[in-house]
Amino acid sequence: MELRARAGRAVLAGRRVDAGGETVEVAPDSLPLGADLCDALHEWAQVAQVVERATANGSAGTATALVSRRGRQLAKRLAEVMGTPVRYTDPLTGEVFVVRQPPGQPAAPATPRHRARRSAPRTPWATGLTVSAFAAAVVVFAMLTLSVGLARTNPWLAVAANVMVAGGLAPSLWLGRNVLVWRWVAYGVAGGIVLAWLGLLITLAF
């Protein structure tokens, strides 16, 4: 079995014995993998597509390494669930990795969608929002300090700087939006960027 990303969707490729060894691709949803794993695979493929476009524009930064690492993690989960080695083809670098199931470990049972939703952990709103508020405050302070200084020289320099900062952070924010801890930082940074833009517009208006 091989894990691939194609057009923003995760696919699993394998050879069919009844088709003369022909390689076929199937959607993860058609296999008993569980709702959480299927959703994670598709989210990874969507992020990979976004980062691939950003790479073409030269603005992906460290996002490529994060996508590759996340893909290998998901391939390991697939190997554990299916009880078989999984080949992982990196959608950004083209590298191929083989992930094997740990020796002596039985295949993990798939979780039905309705049971997965019911057993989801509680969201730590208080702690998470505190982290988000702190991240937003840091971003607002940093971006406004930069913007106000540049606006005194040329307002368009301040706008260009904000665009570059927001564009550079966008891939990382997209990747972190579903990671249990880092999603709160991503929310805060995204909110801080919006507030910094509002502050810049107010500064330019007056």
N, C-alpha and C. Protein backbone atom coordinates (compact mmCIF):
# COMPACT_ATOMS: atom_id res chain seq x y z
N MET A 1 0.85 -1.19 0.00
CA MET A 1 0.00 0.00 0.00
C MET A 1 0.88 1.24 0.00
N GLU A 2 0.45 2.25 -0.75
CA GLU A 2 1.23 3.48 -0.87
C GLU A 2 0.33 4.69 -0.63
N LEU A 3 0.81 5.62 0.21
CA LEU A 3 0.09 6.84 0.52
C LEU A 3 0.55 7.94 -0.42
N ARG A 4 -0.42 8.57 -1.12
CA ARG A 4 -0.10 9.65 -2.04
C ARG A 4 -1.06 10.81 -1.81
N ALA A 5 -0.69 11.97 -2.34
CA ALA A 5 -1.57 13.13 -2.34
C ALA A 5 -1.76 13.55 -3.80
N ARG A 6 -3.02 13.66 -4.21
CA ARG A 6 -3.30 14.00 -5.59
C ARG A 6 -4.43 15.03 -5.65
N ALA A 7 -4.12 16.22 -6.19
CA ALA A 7 -5.11 17.28 -6.38
C ALA A 7 -5.82 17.64 -5.07
N GLY A 8 -5.05 17.71 -4.00
CA GLY A 8 -5.63 18.10 -2.72
C GLY A 8 -6.40 17.02 -2.01
N ARG A 9 -6.30 15.77 -2.45
CA ARG A 9 -6.99 14.65 -1.80
C ARG A 9 -5.99 13.53 -1.56
N ALA A 10 -6.12 12.86 -0.43
CA ALA A 10 -5.27 11.72 -0.13
C ALA A 10 -5.81 10.49 -0.85
N VAL A 11 -4.90 9.69 -1.41
CA VAL A 11 -5.29 8.44 -2.07
C VAL A 11 -4.35 7.34 -1.60
N LEU A 12 -4.84 6.11 -1.62
CA LEU A 12 -4.05 4.93 -1.29
C LEU A 12 -3.93 4.07 -2.54
N ALA A 13 -2.72 3.75 -2.91
CA ALA A 13 -2.47 2.98 -4.13
C ALA A 13 -2.01 1.58 -3.76
N GLY A 14 -2.45 0.62 -4.56
CA GLY A 14 -2.05 -0.77 -4.36
C GLY A 14 -2.26 -1.56 -5.63
N ARG A 15 -1.78 -2.79 -5.66
CA ARG A 15 -1.91 -3.64 -6.84
C ARG A 15 -3.04 -4.64 -6.65
N ARG A 16 -3.87 -4.74 -7.66
CA ARG A 16 -4.99 -5.69 -7.63
C ARG A 16 -4.58 -6.99 -8.29
N VAL A 17 -4.73 -8.08 -7.54
CA VAL A 17 -4.37 -9.39 -8.08
C VAL A 17 -5.29 -9.77 -9.23
N ASP A 18 -6.59 -9.44 -9.10
CA ASP A 18 -7.55 -9.83 -10.13
C ASP A 18 -7.47 -8.95 -11.37
N ALA A 19 -6.61 -7.91 -11.31
CA ALA A 19 -6.47 -7.02 -12.47
C ALA A 19 -5.08 -7.15 -13.08
N GLY A 20 -4.45 -8.33 -12.88
CA GLY A 20 -3.15 -8.55 -13.47
C GLY A 20 -2.05 -7.73 -12.87
N GLY A 21 -2.15 -7.38 -11.59
CA GLY A 21 -1.12 -6.59 -10.93
C GLY A 21 -1.18 -5.12 -11.24
N GLU A 22 -2.28 -4.66 -11.83
CA GLU A 22 -2.41 -3.24 -12.16
C GLU A 22 -2.55 -2.40 -10.89
N THR A 23 -1.87 -1.24 -10.87
CA THR A 23 -1.95 -0.35 -9.71
C THR A 23 -3.24 0.45 -9.76
N VAL A 24 -3.97 0.44 -8.66
CA VAL A 24 -5.22 1.18 -8.57
C VAL A 24 -5.15 2.10 -7.36
N GLU A 25 -5.89 3.20 -7.41
CA GLU A 25 -5.94 4.16 -6.32
C GLU A 25 -7.36 4.21 -5.76
N VAL A 26 -7.45 4.25 -4.44
CA VAL A 26 -8.75 4.33 -3.78
C VAL A 26 -8.71 5.44 -2.75
N ALA A 27 -9.87 5.98 -2.41
CA ALA A 27 -9.96 7.01 -1.38
C ALA A 27 -9.88 6.35 -0.01
N PRO A 28 -9.24 6.99 0.97
CA PRO A 28 -9.18 6.41 2.32
C PRO A 28 -10.56 6.15 2.92
N ASP A 29 -11.56 6.97 2.51
CA ASP A 29 -12.90 6.81 3.06
C ASP A 29 -13.53 5.47 2.71
N SER A 30 -13.03 4.82 1.64
CA SER A 30 -13.60 3.54 1.23
C SER A 30 -13.04 2.37 2.03
N LEU A 31 -12.08 2.63 2.92
CA LEU A 31 -11.48 1.58 3.73
C LEU A 31 -11.84 1.79 5.20
N PRO A 32 -11.81 0.75 6.01
CA PRO A 32 -12.18 0.88 7.43
C PRO A 32 -11.03 1.48 8.26
N LEU A 33 -10.75 2.75 8.04
CA LEU A 33 -9.64 3.41 8.73
C LEU A 33 -10.09 4.24 9.92
N GLY A 34 -11.37 4.59 10.00
CA GLY A 34 -11.85 5.46 11.05
C GLY A 34 -11.95 6.89 10.59
N ALA A 35 -12.86 7.62 11.18
CA ALA A 35 -13.13 9.00 10.75
C ALA A 35 -11.94 9.92 10.97
N ASP A 36 -11.30 9.82 12.14
CA ASP A 36 -10.20 10.74 12.47
C ASP A 36 -9.05 10.61 11.48
N LEU A 37 -8.67 9.38 11.17
CA LEU A 37 -7.54 9.16 10.27
C LEU A 37 -7.87 9.62 8.85
N CYS A 38 -9.08 9.33 8.38
CA CYS A 38 -9.48 9.76 7.03
C CYS A 38 -9.46 11.28 6.93
N ASP A 39 -10.03 11.95 7.92
CA ASP A 39 -10.04 13.42 7.90
C ASP A 39 -8.62 13.98 7.94
N ALA A 40 -7.76 13.37 8.76
CA ALA A 40 -6.38 13.85 8.86
C ALA A 40 -5.63 13.66 7.54
N LEU A 41 -5.88 12.56 6.85
CA LEU A 41 -5.22 12.32 5.56
C LEU A 41 -5.63 13.36 4.53
N HIS A 42 -6.92 13.68 4.46
CA HIS A 42 -7.38 14.66 3.48
C HIS A 42 -6.89 16.07 3.83
N GLU A 43 -6.87 16.40 5.11
CA GLU A 43 -6.36 17.72 5.52
C GLU A 43 -4.88 17.85 5.16
N TRP A 44 -4.13 16.78 5.37
CA TRP A 44 -2.71 16.80 5.00
C TRP A 44 -2.54 17.02 3.49
N ALA A 45 -3.35 16.34 2.68
CA ALA A 45 -3.24 16.49 1.23
C ALA A 45 -3.61 17.91 0.79
N GLN A 46 -4.60 18.51 1.43
CA GLN A 46 -4.98 19.88 1.09
C GLN A 46 -3.86 20.86 1.43
N VAL A 47 -3.26 20.67 2.61
CA VAL A 47 -2.15 21.54 3.01
C VAL A 47 -0.97 21.36 2.05
N ALA A 48 -0.71 20.12 1.65
CA ALA A 48 0.39 19.86 0.72
C ALA A 48 0.18 20.59 -0.59
N GLN A 49 -1.07 20.63 -1.06
CA GLN A 49 -1.35 21.35 -2.30
C GLN A 49 -1.11 22.85 -2.14
N VAL A 50 -1.53 23.41 -0.98
CA VAL A 50 -1.31 24.84 -0.73
C VAL A 50 0.18 25.16 -0.66
N VAL A 51 0.94 24.32 0.06
CA VAL A 51 2.37 24.54 0.20
C VAL A 51 3.09 24.38 -1.13
N GLU A 52 2.62 23.43 -1.95
CA GLU A 52 3.24 23.24 -3.27
C GLU A 52 3.11 24.50 -4.12
N ARG A 53 1.93 25.14 -4.05
CA ARG A 53 1.76 26.39 -4.79
C ARG A 53 2.65 27.49 -4.21
N ALA A 54 2.75 27.51 -2.88
CA ALA A 54 3.60 28.53 -2.25
C ALA A 54 5.06 28.30 -2.60
N THR A 55 5.46 27.03 -2.71
CA THR A 55 6.84 26.71 -3.07
C THR A 55 7.16 27.23 -4.46
N ALA A 56 6.18 27.12 -5.37
CA ALA A 56 6.40 27.62 -6.73
C ALA A 56 6.62 29.13 -6.74
N ASN A 57 6.05 29.81 -5.74
CA ASN A 57 6.23 31.27 -5.64
C ASN A 57 7.41 31.65 -4.76
N GLY A 58 8.08 30.63 -4.20
CA GLY A 58 9.24 30.89 -3.36
C GLY A 58 8.92 31.39 -1.97
N SER A 59 7.72 31.07 -1.44
CA SER A 59 7.33 31.60 -0.13
C SER A 59 6.90 30.51 0.84
N ALA A 60 7.29 29.27 0.63
CA ALA A 60 6.84 28.18 1.50
C ALA A 60 7.62 28.13 2.80
N GLY A 61 8.91 28.48 2.78
CA GLY A 61 9.70 28.47 4.00
C GLY A 61 9.84 27.07 4.58
N THR A 62 9.58 26.95 5.88
CA THR A 62 9.73 25.67 6.57
C THR A 62 8.49 24.79 6.42
N ALA A 63 7.48 25.25 5.71
CA ALA A 63 6.25 24.48 5.59
C ALA A 63 6.48 23.16 4.88
N THR A 64 7.43 23.11 3.95
CA THR A 64 7.70 21.87 3.21
C THR A 64 8.12 20.75 4.17
N ALA A 65 9.01 21.06 5.10
CA ALA A 65 9.46 20.05 6.06
C ALA A 65 8.32 19.60 6.96
N LEU A 66 7.45 20.52 7.34
CA LEU A 66 6.31 20.16 8.20
C LEU A 66 5.35 19.23 7.47
N VAL A 67 5.09 19.50 6.20
CA VAL A 67 4.20 18.63 5.42
C VAL A 67 4.80 17.24 5.29
N SER A 68 6.11 17.15 5.03
CA SER A 68 6.78 15.86 4.90
C SER A 68 6.72 15.07 6.20
N ARG A 69 6.98 15.75 7.31
CA ARG A 69 6.94 15.06 8.60
C ARG A 69 5.53 14.58 8.93
N ARG A 70 4.52 15.43 8.65
CA ARG A 70 3.14 15.03 8.91
C ARG A 70 2.75 13.84 8.05
N GLY A 71 3.21 13.81 6.80
CA GLY A 71 2.91 12.68 5.93
C GLY A 71 3.49 11.38 6.47
N ARG A 72 4.72 11.43 6.97
CA ARG A 72 5.32 10.21 7.53
C ARG A 72 4.59 9.75 8.79
N GLN A 73 4.12 10.73 9.59
CA GLN A 73 3.34 10.36 10.77
C GLN A 73 2.05 9.64 10.39
N LEU A 74 1.38 10.16 9.38
CA LEU A 74 0.13 9.54 8.93
C LEU A 74 0.38 8.17 8.30
N ALA A 75 1.50 8.03 7.59
CA ALA A 75 1.85 6.73 7.02
C ALA A 75 2.09 5.70 8.13
N LYS A 76 2.70 6.14 9.23
CA LYS A 76 2.91 5.24 10.37
C LYS A 76 1.57 4.82 10.98
N ARG A 77 0.63 5.77 11.10
CA ARG A 77 -0.69 5.42 11.62
C ARG A 77 -1.39 4.45 10.69
N LEU A 78 -1.25 4.64 9.39
CA LEU A 78 -1.85 3.71 8.42
C LEU A 78 -1.28 2.31 8.59
N ALA A 79 0.04 2.22 8.75
CA ALA A 79 0.67 0.91 8.92
C ALA A 79 0.16 0.21 10.17
N GLU A 80 -0.07 0.98 11.24
CA GLU A 80 -0.57 0.40 12.48
C GLU A 80 -2.01 -0.07 12.33
N VAL A 81 -2.83 0.74 11.64
CA VAL A 81 -4.25 0.38 11.49
C VAL A 81 -4.43 -0.79 10.54
N MET A 82 -3.70 -0.77 9.40
CA MET A 82 -3.89 -1.80 8.38
C MET A 82 -3.06 -3.05 8.66
N GLY A 83 -2.04 -2.93 9.53
CA GLY A 83 -1.22 -4.10 9.82
C GLY A 83 -0.34 -4.51 8.66
N THR A 84 0.09 -3.54 7.86
CA THR A 84 0.90 -3.84 6.68
C THR A 84 1.85 -2.69 6.43
N PRO A 85 3.01 -2.93 5.81
CA PRO A 85 3.92 -1.83 5.49
C PRO A 85 3.26 -0.83 4.54
N VAL A 86 3.58 0.44 4.72
CA VAL A 86 3.00 1.51 3.89
C VAL A 86 4.14 2.31 3.28
N ARG A 87 4.09 2.46 1.96
CA ARG A 87 5.03 3.35 1.26
C ARG A 87 4.45 4.75 1.25
N TYR A 88 5.29 5.72 1.55
CA TYR A 88 4.85 7.11 1.57
C TYR A 88 5.63 7.89 0.51
N THR A 89 4.92 8.44 -0.46
CA THR A 89 5.53 9.27 -1.50
C THR A 89 5.31 10.73 -1.14
N ASP A 90 6.39 11.44 -0.84
CA ASP A 90 6.27 12.84 -0.45
C ASP A 90 5.78 13.66 -1.65
N PRO A 91 4.65 14.37 -1.49
CA PRO A 91 4.09 15.12 -2.63
C PRO A 91 4.91 16.34 -3.03
N LEU A 92 5.83 16.79 -2.16
CA LEU A 92 6.61 18.00 -2.44
C LEU A 92 8.02 17.69 -2.93
N THR A 93 8.64 16.65 -2.37
CA THR A 93 10.02 16.33 -2.76
C THR A 93 10.12 15.10 -3.66
N GLY A 94 9.06 14.28 -3.69
CA GLY A 94 9.09 13.06 -4.50
C GLY A 94 9.80 11.90 -3.82
N GLU A 95 10.32 12.11 -2.60
CA GLU A 95 11.01 11.03 -1.89
C GLU A 95 10.01 9.95 -1.49
N VAL A 96 10.51 8.72 -1.41
CA VAL A 96 9.68 7.58 -1.05
C VAL A 96 10.22 6.96 0.24
N PHE A 97 9.34 6.79 1.22
CA PHE A 97 9.71 6.16 2.49
C PHE A 97 8.84 4.93 2.69
N VAL A 98 9.39 3.92 3.33
CA VAL A 98 8.63 2.72 3.66
C VAL A 98 8.47 2.68 5.17
N VAL A 99 7.23 2.69 5.63
CA VAL A 99 6.93 2.66 7.06
C VAL A 99 6.38 1.28 7.38
N ARG A 100 6.98 0.62 8.35
CA ARG A 100 6.56 -0.73 8.70
C ARG A 100 5.85 -0.72 10.04
N GLN A 101 4.93 -1.67 10.20
CA GLN A 101 4.22 -1.81 11.46
C GLN A 101 5.18 -2.32 12.53
N PRO A 102 5.14 -1.75 13.76
CA PRO A 102 6.02 -2.25 14.82
C PRO A 102 5.82 -3.74 15.04
N PRO A 103 6.89 -4.54 15.24
CA PRO A 103 6.78 -5.98 15.43
C PRO A 103 5.88 -6.34 16.60
N GLY A 104 5.02 -7.32 16.37
CA GLY A 104 4.16 -7.83 17.43
C GLY A 104 2.99 -6.95 17.78
N GLN A 105 2.78 -5.85 17.04
CA GLN A 105 1.66 -4.96 17.36
C GLN A 105 0.47 -5.30 16.47
N PRO A 106 -0.68 -5.63 17.04
CA PRO A 106 -1.86 -5.94 16.22
C PRO A 106 -2.41 -4.69 15.57
N ALA A 107 -3.15 -4.89 14.51
CA ALA A 107 -3.77 -3.77 13.83
C ALA A 107 -4.78 -3.09 14.74
N ALA A 108 -4.74 -1.77 14.78
CA ALA A 108 -5.67 -1.02 15.63
C ALA A 108 -7.05 -1.04 15.02
N PRO A 109 -8.09 -1.26 15.81
CA PRO A 109 -9.45 -1.28 15.26
C PRO A 109 -9.86 0.10 14.79
N ALA A 110 -10.57 0.13 13.67
CA ALA A 110 -11.08 1.40 13.15
C ALA A 110 -12.22 1.89 14.02
N THR A 111 -12.35 3.18 14.15
CA THR A 111 -13.39 3.79 14.97
C THR A 111 -14.49 4.33 14.09
N PRO A 112 -15.74 3.89 14.27
CA PRO A 112 -16.84 4.45 13.47
C PRO A 112 -16.94 5.95 13.67
N ARG A 113 -17.51 6.64 12.66
CA ARG A 113 -17.59 8.09 12.71
C ARG A 113 -18.40 8.59 13.91
N HIS A 114 -19.54 7.95 14.19
CA HIS A 114 -20.37 8.47 15.28
C HIS A 114 -19.70 8.27 16.63
N ARG A 115 -18.94 7.18 16.79
CA ARG A 115 -18.25 6.96 18.05
C ARG A 115 -17.05 7.88 18.19
N ALA A 116 -16.41 8.20 17.06
CA ALA A 116 -15.25 9.11 17.11
C ALA A 116 -15.68 10.49 17.58
N ARG A 117 -16.81 10.94 17.11
CA ARG A 117 -17.29 12.25 17.54
C ARG A 117 -17.64 12.25 19.03
N ARG A 118 -18.25 11.15 19.48
CA ARG A 118 -18.71 11.11 20.86
C ARG A 118 -17.56 11.07 21.85
N SER A 119 -16.42 10.43 21.46
CA SER A 119 -15.30 10.27 22.38
C SER A 119 -14.23 11.35 22.21
N ALA A 120 -14.52 12.39 21.47
CA ALA A 120 -13.54 13.46 21.24
C ALA A 120 -13.22 14.15 22.57
N PRO A 121 -11.93 14.48 22.78
CA PRO A 121 -11.54 15.14 24.04
C PRO A 121 -12.13 16.54 24.14
N ARG A 122 -12.30 17.01 25.37
CA ARG A 122 -12.83 18.34 25.59
C ARG A 122 -11.84 19.40 25.16
N THR A 123 -12.35 20.49 24.66
CA THR A 123 -11.50 21.59 24.20
C THR A 123 -11.14 22.48 25.38
N PRO A 124 -9.83 22.71 25.63
CA PRO A 124 -9.40 23.57 26.76
C PRO A 124 -9.52 25.04 26.39
N TRP A 125 -10.74 25.56 26.42
CA TRP A 125 -10.97 26.93 25.96
C TRP A 125 -10.20 27.96 26.76
N ALA A 126 -10.20 27.83 28.09
CA ALA A 126 -9.55 28.85 28.92
C ALA A 126 -8.06 28.95 28.63
N THR A 127 -7.38 27.81 28.66
CA THR A 127 -5.94 27.82 28.39
C THR A 127 -5.66 28.21 26.95
N GLY A 128 -6.45 27.66 26.03
CA GLY A 128 -6.23 27.94 24.62
C GLY A 128 -6.41 29.40 24.26
N LEU A 129 -7.46 30.00 24.77
CA LEU A 129 -7.71 31.42 24.46
C LEU A 129 -6.65 32.32 25.11
N THR A 130 -6.14 31.90 26.26
CA THR A 130 -5.05 32.67 26.89
C THR A 130 -3.81 32.65 26.01
N VAL A 131 -3.48 31.48 25.48
CA VAL A 131 -2.33 31.36 24.58
C VAL A 131 -2.56 32.19 23.32
N SER A 132 -3.79 32.12 22.79
CA SER A 132 -4.11 32.89 21.58
C SER A 132 -3.98 34.39 21.83
N ALA A 133 -4.47 34.85 22.98
CA ALA A 133 -4.39 36.27 23.29
C ALA A 133 -2.95 36.73 23.42
N PHE A 134 -2.12 35.91 24.04
CA PHE A 134 -0.70 36.27 24.18
C PHE A 134 -0.02 36.33 22.82
N ALA A 135 -0.28 35.32 21.96
CA ALA A 135 0.31 35.30 20.62
C ALA A 135 -0.15 36.50 19.81
N ALA A 136 -1.44 36.86 19.93
CA ALA A 136 -1.97 38.01 19.19
C ALA A 136 -1.30 39.30 19.66
N ALA A 137 -1.11 39.44 20.98
CA ALA A 137 -0.49 40.66 21.52
C ALA A 137 0.94 40.81 21.00
N VAL A 138 1.68 39.71 20.96
CA VAL A 138 3.06 39.77 20.47
C VAL A 138 3.10 40.17 19.00
N VAL A 139 2.21 39.58 18.20
CA VAL A 139 2.19 39.88 16.76
C VAL A 139 1.77 41.33 16.52
N VAL A 140 0.74 41.79 17.23
CA VAL A 140 0.28 43.18 17.05
C VAL A 140 1.40 44.15 17.41
N PHE A 141 2.07 43.92 18.53
CA PHE A 141 3.15 44.82 18.94
C PHE A 141 4.27 44.84 17.91
N ALA A 142 4.67 43.65 17.45
CA ALA A 142 5.79 43.59 16.50
C ALA A 142 5.44 44.23 15.17
N MET A 143 4.26 43.92 14.65
CA MET A 143 3.89 44.44 13.33
C MET A 143 3.61 45.93 13.37
N LEU A 144 2.98 46.40 14.45
CA LEU A 144 2.72 47.84 14.53
C LEU A 144 4.02 48.63 14.72
N THR A 145 4.94 48.09 15.49
CA THR A 145 6.23 48.76 15.65
C THR A 145 6.94 48.90 14.30
N LEU A 146 6.92 47.81 13.53
CA LEU A 146 7.52 47.85 12.21
C LEU A 146 6.77 48.79 11.27
N SER A 147 5.44 48.70 11.29
CA SER A 147 4.63 49.50 10.36
C SER A 147 4.73 50.99 10.63
N VAL A 148 4.64 51.37 11.90
CA VAL A 148 4.68 52.79 12.24
C VAL A 148 6.04 53.40 11.86
N GLY A 149 7.10 52.64 12.10
CA GLY A 149 8.42 53.14 11.74
C GLY A 149 8.57 53.34 10.24
N LEU A 150 8.05 52.38 9.46
CA LEU A 150 8.15 52.51 8.01
C LEU A 150 7.20 53.56 7.46
N ALA A 151 6.04 53.70 8.10
CA ALA A 151 5.04 54.66 7.61
C ALA A 151 5.56 56.09 7.70
N ARG A 152 6.44 56.35 8.64
CA ARG A 152 7.00 57.70 8.75
C ARG A 152 7.89 58.03 7.55
N THR A 153 8.47 56.98 6.97
CA THR A 153 9.31 57.18 5.79
C THR A 153 8.48 57.15 4.51
N ASN A 154 7.68 56.08 4.37
CA ASN A 154 6.83 55.92 3.19
C ASN A 154 5.69 54.97 3.56
N PRO A 155 4.43 55.41 3.48
CA PRO A 155 3.30 54.54 3.85
C PRO A 155 3.26 53.24 3.06
N TRP A 156 3.71 53.29 1.80
CA TRP A 156 3.65 52.07 0.99
C TRP A 156 4.66 51.03 1.47
N LEU A 157 5.76 51.49 2.07
CA LEU A 157 6.70 50.54 2.65
C LEU A 157 6.06 49.78 3.81
N ALA A 158 5.28 50.46 4.61
CA ALA A 158 4.59 49.81 5.72
C ALA A 158 3.60 48.77 5.21
N VAL A 159 2.85 49.13 4.15
CA VAL A 159 1.88 48.19 3.58
C VAL A 159 2.59 46.98 3.01
N ALA A 160 3.69 47.21 2.28
CA ALA A 160 4.44 46.10 1.68
C ALA A 160 5.01 45.18 2.76
N ALA A 161 5.50 45.77 3.85
CA ALA A 161 6.06 44.95 4.93
C ALA A 161 4.99 44.07 5.57
N ASN A 162 3.80 44.64 5.78
CA ASN A 162 2.71 43.85 6.36
C ASN A 162 2.29 42.72 5.43
N VAL A 163 2.25 43.00 4.12
CA VAL A 163 1.88 41.96 3.16
C VAL A 163 2.90 40.83 3.19
N MET A 164 4.18 41.16 3.25
CA MET A 164 5.22 40.14 3.27
C MET A 164 5.16 39.30 4.54
N VAL A 165 4.92 39.95 5.67
CA VAL A 165 4.83 39.21 6.94
C VAL A 165 3.62 38.27 6.93
N ALA A 166 2.47 38.79 6.51
CA ALA A 166 1.26 37.97 6.48
C ALA A 166 1.40 36.81 5.49
N GLY A 167 1.99 37.08 4.31
CA GLY A 167 2.18 36.02 3.32
C GLY A 167 3.15 34.96 3.79
N GLY A 168 4.20 35.37 4.49
CA GLY A 168 5.17 34.41 4.99
C GLY A 168 4.63 33.51 6.09
N LEU A 169 3.72 34.05 6.90
CA LEU A 169 3.16 33.26 8.01
C LEU A 169 1.98 32.39 7.58
N ALA A 170 1.35 32.71 6.46
CA ALA A 170 0.12 32.01 6.07
C ALA A 170 0.28 30.49 5.96
N PRO A 171 1.33 29.94 5.28
CA PRO A 171 1.44 28.47 5.21
C PRO A 171 1.57 27.81 6.57
N SER A 172 2.37 28.42 7.46
CA SER A 172 2.55 27.83 8.79
C SER A 172 1.25 27.87 9.60
N LEU A 173 0.49 28.96 9.45
CA LEU A 173 -0.79 29.06 10.15
C LEU A 173 -1.76 28.01 9.65
N TRP A 174 -1.75 27.77 8.34
CA TRP A 174 -2.65 26.76 7.76
C TRP A 174 -2.31 25.37 8.29
N LEU A 175 -1.01 25.08 8.38
CA LEU A 175 -0.59 23.78 8.88
C LEU A 175 -0.92 23.60 10.36
N GLY A 176 -0.81 24.67 11.14
CA GLY A 176 -0.99 24.55 12.58
C GLY A 176 -2.41 24.64 13.06
N ARG A 177 -3.36 24.90 12.14
CA ARG A 177 -4.73 25.17 12.60
C ARG A 177 -5.40 23.95 13.20
N ASN A 178 -4.93 22.72 12.91
CA ASN A 178 -5.55 21.52 13.44
C ASN A 178 -4.66 20.74 14.39
N VAL A 179 -3.46 21.27 14.70
CA VAL A 179 -2.58 20.63 15.67
C VAL A 179 -3.04 21.01 17.07
N LEU A 180 -3.15 20.03 17.97
CA LEU A 180 -3.83 20.23 19.25
C LEU A 180 -3.34 21.45 20.02
N VAL A 181 -2.04 21.64 20.13
CA VAL A 181 -1.51 22.75 20.92
C VAL A 181 -1.27 23.98 20.04
N TRP A 182 -0.62 23.76 18.91
CA TRP A 182 -0.21 24.89 18.07
C TRP A 182 -1.38 25.59 17.41
N ARG A 183 -2.56 24.96 17.37
CA ARG A 183 -3.69 25.65 16.74
C ARG A 183 -4.05 26.94 17.49
N TRP A 184 -3.86 26.96 18.83
CA TRP A 184 -4.17 28.17 19.59
C TRP A 184 -3.19 29.28 19.25
N VAL A 185 -1.94 28.92 19.05
CA VAL A 185 -0.95 29.91 18.62
C VAL A 185 -1.31 30.43 17.23
N ALA A 186 -1.72 29.50 16.34
CA ALA A 186 -2.09 29.90 14.98
C ALA A 186 -3.28 30.85 14.99
N TYR A 187 -4.30 30.55 15.83
CA TYR A 187 -5.45 31.44 15.93
C TYR A 187 -5.03 32.83 16.41
N GLY A 188 -4.16 32.85 17.43
CA GLY A 188 -3.72 34.13 17.97
C GLY A 188 -2.92 34.94 16.97
N VAL A 189 -2.02 34.27 16.25
CA VAL A 189 -1.21 34.97 15.25
C VAL A 189 -2.10 35.52 14.14
N ALA A 190 -3.07 34.70 13.69
CA ALA A 190 -3.98 35.17 12.64
C ALA A 190 -4.78 36.38 13.11
N GLY A 191 -5.28 36.31 14.35
CA GLY A 191 -6.01 37.46 14.88
C GLY A 191 -5.12 38.68 15.06
N GLY A 192 -3.87 38.45 15.46
CA GLY A 192 -2.93 39.56 15.62
C GLY A 192 -2.62 40.24 14.30
N ILE A 193 -2.54 39.45 13.22
CA ILE A 193 -2.30 40.04 11.90
C ILE A 193 -3.47 40.94 11.49
N VAL A 194 -4.69 40.46 11.75
CA VAL A 194 -5.87 41.27 11.40
C VAL A 194 -5.87 42.58 12.20
N LEU A 195 -5.61 42.48 13.51
CA LEU A 195 -5.59 43.68 14.35
C LEU A 195 -4.47 44.64 13.94
N ALA A 196 -3.33 44.08 13.56
CA ALA A 196 -2.22 44.92 13.12
C ALA A 196 -2.57 45.67 11.83
N TRP A 197 -3.28 45.00 10.95
CA TRP A 197 -3.72 45.67 9.71
C TRP A 197 -4.69 46.81 10.03
N LEU A 198 -5.60 46.57 10.96
CA LEU A 198 -6.53 47.64 11.35
C LEU A 198 -5.76 48.81 11.96
N GLY A 199 -4.78 48.49 12.80
CA GLY A 199 -3.98 49.55 13.40
C GLY A 199 -3.21 50.34 12.36
N LEU A 200 -2.68 49.64 11.34
CA LEU A 200 -1.95 50.32 10.28
C LEU A 200 -2.87 51.26 9.49
N LEU A 201 -4.09 50.77 9.18
CA LEU A 201 -5.03 51.62 8.44
C LEU A 201 -5.42 52.86 9.23
N ILE A 202 -5.61 52.70 10.54
CA ILE A 202 -5.94 53.84 11.39
C ILE A 202 -4.77 54.82 11.42
N THR A 203 -3.56 54.28 11.52
CA THR A 203 -2.38 55.15 11.53
C THR A 203 -2.24 55.94 10.24
N LEU A 204 -2.46 55.28 9.11
CA LEU A 204 -2.34 55.95 7.82
C LEU A 204 -3.45 56.98 7.62
N ALA A 205 -4.63 56.70 8.21
CA ALA A 205 -5.76 57.62 8.02
C ALA A 205 -5.55 58.93 8.80
N PHE A 206 -4.84 58.83 9.93
CA PHE A 206 -4.65 60.02 10.76
C PHE A 206 -3.20 60.49 10.74
